[in-house]
Every structure is written in structure tokens, then in C-alpha cells.
């Protein structure tokens, strides 16, 4: 019997394409590699179903933002659109609720600031895009210059390409390090953040 984890990838106008597609690719690879549906991953839009990303890619989300606590994993990507996403009270409330329910809440790049606005980074080690890293301290976070930082149920990833590492860290946490290494090998990627 397959173990299935439900993952929500938040998308919004101005989201960085690789920030969410890297995680998506890594989680999806488990199905091909392990012949089991370990992850059911859905895109969740915070405003409208059609989303124009930072570099012009237009996607249609699977669903609108509602109850994020029904997911086991929530991923918040970064990009210029985070400035508006950080002001979305419904998104912040749902992220906070999911975290309180013990869900694995993750960010890539400047998506960390959405988690910070939701109150998730206070007193925790966290990372983000290198030029923005020190700004996390304004939220009570402990800025940590690493590719991926795990502090309790919060995973933060550095710059854009760290999306792959965040996806692999999710697999490591939920399915084990050997599985994460197999997925990394399958996608021909040398991870920097797997035990």
C-alpha cells in the first residue's frame, strides 16, 4: 500500500517559476522512481486560478486557497509577488493554522518572508535569498546562511535553485535519506542539503 502525502504548492502573481517547479519535479519523481504515489501535489492560488509568474509563464492553479491544514506539506515559493502575498491575511492565517497542526511548512527563496509574516520564523533558524537574509532578523528569526535550514516543522531554502534541495529535504524528512538520494540520482542532481 502506497504512503500518500498531500502537498500544496502556493502560487501567486509574480511567483518565481523555478521556486515552485523544482519542488514539484522532485516530489513527482518519487512516482516514477518508486512506482508508488507518495505525493499528491496540487497548486493552490491565493487570488485567481490563472497566475502569471515572474518571467511570464501563465499557469492555471488546481484550486483556490482554502483550508491548508488538509495538506501534509505546504510549500511557499518566492519571487517579486511575495510582496503582495505577504499582505494576504487569509494566506497568513492558513499557513499559521497548518503549522500549528504540525504540518511541514516550507519556503523557497523569498517565500521565507511569507512564513515570517505568518509568525512561523520567530526564534527559529531560517534562510532565504542571500541578499535578503539579514532582513529575517526583523521577524525574530535567526538568519542562517545554508542551502536548506530545518527548524522543527519549518523548512526554508535559499535562492531559486534551492527549490530542488527543498524538495529533496521534504523527501528525506518523510521517506528517508536513501530515498532522497535515489531521487537526486534519478534527476541527475548533486544535492547540497541531504544528510
Protein backbone atom coordinates (compact mmCIF):
# COMPACT_ATOMS: atom_id res chain seq x y z
CA UNK A 1 0.00 0.00 0.00
CA UNK A 2 1.39 3.39 -1.00
CA UNK A 3 2.00 6.07 1.57
CA UNK A 4 0.43 9.25 0.25
CA UNK A 5 1.28 12.72 1.41
CA UNK A 6 -0.75 15.67 0.22
CA UNK A 7 1.37 18.66 -0.77
CA UNK A 8 0.16 22.18 -1.55
CA UNK A 9 2.35 24.48 -3.63
CA UNK A 10 1.17 28.06 -3.22
CA UNK A 11 1.19 30.15 -6.41
CA UNK A 12 0.52 33.84 -6.89
CA UNK A 13 1.08 36.60 -9.42
CA UNK A 14 4.83 37.18 -9.74
CA UNK A 15 5.86 33.82 -8.30
CA UNK A 16 9.32 32.66 -9.41
CA UNK A 17 8.87 29.71 -11.78
CA UNK A 18 11.77 27.54 -10.60
CA UNK A 19 10.90 28.20 -6.95
CA UNK A 20 7.81 26.03 -7.29
CA UNK A 21 8.59 23.80 -10.28
CA UNK A 22 11.79 22.43 -8.73
CA UNK A 23 9.94 21.15 -5.67
CA UNK A 24 7.14 19.89 -7.89
CA UNK A 25 9.56 17.92 -10.09
CA UNK A 26 11.33 16.33 -7.14
CA UNK A 27 8.12 15.24 -5.39
CA UNK A 28 6.70 13.90 -8.65
CA UNK A 29 9.83 11.88 -9.37
CA UNK A 30 9.01 9.54 -6.47
CA UNK A 31 6.13 8.11 -8.51
CA UNK A 32 8.34 7.22 -11.48
CA UNK A 33 11.27 6.03 -9.43
CA UNK A 34 9.47 4.12 -6.68
CA UNK A 35 6.37 3.11 -8.64
CA UNK A 36 4.14 4.48 -5.90
CA UNK A 37 2.14 7.66 -5.49
CA UNK A 38 3.88 9.02 -2.42
CA UNK A 39 2.87 12.61 -3.10
CA UNK A 40 -0.34 14.12 -4.38
CA UNK A 41 0.79 17.65 -5.20
CA UNK A 42 -1.58 20.49 -6.04
CA UNK A 43 -1.10 24.13 -6.92
CA UNK A 44 -3.12 26.47 -4.72
CA UNK A 45 -3.70 30.04 -5.92
CA UNK A 46 -4.19 32.83 -3.41
CA UNK A 47 -6.30 35.06 -5.64
CA UNK A 48 -7.29 33.83 -9.08
CA UNK A 49 -6.93 30.43 -10.74
CA UNK A 50 -4.87 31.88 -13.62
CA UNK A 51 -1.46 33.03 -12.44
CA UNK A 52 1.17 34.98 -14.38
CA UNK A 53 4.58 34.08 -12.98
CA UNK A 54 7.66 36.31 -12.63
CA UNK A 55 9.06 35.52 -16.08
CA UNK A 56 5.78 35.37 -17.98
CA UNK A 57 4.74 31.72 -17.62
CA UNK A 58 0.99 31.51 -17.16
CA UNK A 59 -0.39 28.61 -15.14
CA UNK A 60 -3.86 27.62 -14.00
CA UNK A 61 -3.90 26.51 -10.38
CA UNK A 62 -5.63 23.32 -9.29
CA UNK A 63 -7.61 25.12 -6.62
CA UNK A 64 -8.21 28.33 -4.74
CA UNK A 65 -6.83 28.97 -1.28
CA UNK A 66 -8.95 27.41 1.45
CA UNK A 67 -8.03 25.05 4.29
CA UNK A 68 -4.27 24.37 4.10
CA UNK A 69 -4.34 22.12 7.16
CA UNK A 70 -5.74 19.32 4.98
CA UNK A 71 -2.26 19.07 3.44
CA UNK A 72 0.76 17.35 4.97
CA UNK A 73 3.23 19.67 3.24
CA UNK A 74 2.84 23.33 2.29
CA UNK A 75 5.40 24.99 0.01
CA UNK A 76 5.58 28.78 -0.36
CA UNK A 77 7.82 29.87 -3.25
CA UNK A 78 9.37 33.31 -3.61
CA UNK A 79 9.60 35.91 -6.35
CA UNK A 80 8.60 39.55 -6.71
CA UNK A 81 4.99 38.61 -5.98
CA UNK A 82 5.81 37.80 -2.37
CA UNK A 83 5.41 41.49 -1.51
CA UNK A 84 1.68 41.17 -2.16
CA UNK A 85 1.42 37.60 -0.84
CA UNK A 86 2.82 38.83 2.49
CA UNK A 87 -0.23 41.08 2.83
CA UNK A 88 -2.80 38.35 2.15
CA UNK A 89 -4.37 37.81 5.56
CA UNK A 90 -6.16 34.62 4.51
CA UNK A 91 -2.89 33.07 3.31
CA UNK A 92 -1.07 34.04 6.51
CA UNK A 93 -3.88 32.65 8.66
CA UNK A 94 -3.95 29.35 6.75
CA UNK A 95 -0.16 28.94 6.90
CA UNK A 96 -0.21 29.61 10.64
CA UNK A 97 -3.05 27.13 11.19
CA UNK A 98 -1.27 24.44 9.18
CA UNK A 99 1.92 24.95 11.16
CA UNK A 100 0.05 24.77 14.47
CA UNK A 101 -1.45 21.48 13.26
CA UNK A 102 2.09 20.11 12.88
CA UNK A 103 2.19 20.20 9.09
CA UNK A 104 5.54 20.55 7.31
CA UNK A 105 5.65 24.17 6.12
CA UNK A 106 8.38 25.05 3.62
CA UNK A 107 9.60 28.05 1.68
CA UNK A 108 11.95 28.67 -1.20
CA UNK A 109 13.88 31.91 -1.61
CA UNK A 110 11.90 35.00 -0.54
CA UNK A 111 8.89 32.82 0.26
CA UNK A 112 10.51 32.81 3.72
CA UNK A 113 9.11 36.31 4.26
CA UNK A 114 5.57 34.99 3.84
CA UNK A 115 6.31 32.44 6.58
CA UNK A 116 7.83 35.24 8.66
CA UNK A 117 4.72 37.41 8.28
CA UNK A 118 2.65 34.42 9.39
CA UNK A 119 4.74 34.32 12.58
CA UNK A 120 6.42 30.99 11.84
CA UNK A 121 10.07 32.08 11.96
CA UNK A 122 10.21 33.79 15.35
CA UNK A 123 13.02 32.18 17.35
CA UNK A 124 13.82 29.77 14.52
CA UNK A 125 16.82 29.40 12.25
CA UNK A 126 15.89 30.23 8.66
CA UNK A 127 17.38 31.06 5.29
CA UNK A 128 16.35 32.89 2.15
CA UNK A 129 17.90 34.57 -0.88
CA UNK A 130 21.39 35.73 0.11
CA UNK A 131 20.83 39.47 -0.40
CA UNK A 132 17.71 39.35 1.79
CA UNK A 133 18.99 37.02 4.50
CA UNK A 134 19.68 39.55 7.25
CA UNK A 135 16.19 41.04 6.91
CA UNK A 136 14.80 37.86 8.51
CA UNK A 137 16.11 39.06 11.87
CA UNK A 138 13.41 41.78 11.87
CA UNK A 139 10.92 38.95 12.32
CA UNK A 140 12.78 37.40 15.23
CA UNK A 141 14.31 34.69 13.03
CA UNK A 142 17.93 33.58 13.25
CA UNK A 143 19.34 34.18 9.73
CA UNK A 144 21.40 31.13 8.74
CA UNK A 145 23.40 31.06 5.54
CA UNK A 146 22.83 27.48 4.44
CA UNK A 147 21.23 25.95 1.38
CA UNK A 148 18.35 24.46 3.37
CA UNK A 149 17.51 25.01 7.04
CA UNK A 150 15.18 22.79 9.05
CA UNK A 151 13.89 24.02 12.41
CA UNK A 152 11.14 21.86 13.85
CA UNK A 153 8.36 21.63 11.23
CA UNK A 154 9.64 24.58 9.16
CA UNK A 155 11.95 24.14 6.17
CA UNK A 156 13.43 27.18 4.43
CA UNK A 157 15.52 27.16 1.26
CA UNK A 158 17.98 29.76 -0.02
CA UNK A 159 17.92 31.11 -3.60
CA UNK A 160 15.88 29.99 -6.59
CA UNK A 161 17.68 26.73 -7.45
CA UNK A 162 17.42 25.63 -3.81
CA UNK A 163 13.91 24.59 -4.80
CA UNK A 164 15.37 21.22 -5.78
CA UNK A 165 17.09 20.90 -2.41
CA UNK A 166 13.90 21.80 -0.53
CA UNK A 167 12.04 19.10 -2.45
CA UNK A 168 14.76 16.58 -1.62
CA UNK A 169 14.71 17.65 2.05
CA UNK A 170 10.94 17.04 2.15
CA UNK A 171 11.54 13.54 0.80
CA UNK A 172 14.36 12.97 3.28
CA UNK A 173 12.14 14.01 6.21
CA UNK A 174 9.13 11.95 5.13
CA UNK A 175 10.66 8.98 3.26
CA UNK A 176 14.28 8.84 4.44
CA UNK A 177 17.69 9.92 3.21
CA UNK A 178 18.28 6.93 0.94
CA UNK A 179 15.07 7.67 -0.95
CA UNK A 180 16.07 11.33 -1.32
CA UNK A 181 19.45 10.29 -2.70
CA UNK A 182 17.79 7.93 -5.20
CA UNK A 183 15.54 10.75 -6.41
CA UNK A 184 18.55 13.10 -6.70
CA UNK A 185 20.37 10.49 -8.77
CA UNK A 186 17.31 9.98 -10.97
CA UNK A 187 17.12 13.68 -11.83
CA UNK A 188 20.93 13.84 -12.18
CA UNK A 189 21.34 16.43 -9.47
CA UNK A 190 24.06 16.58 -6.84
CA UNK A 191 22.25 17.79 -3.72
CA UNK A 192 23.94 20.04 -1.20
CA UNK A 193 21.49 19.55 1.63
CA UNK A 194 20.81 15.84 2.17
CA UNK A 195 22.25 14.00 5.15
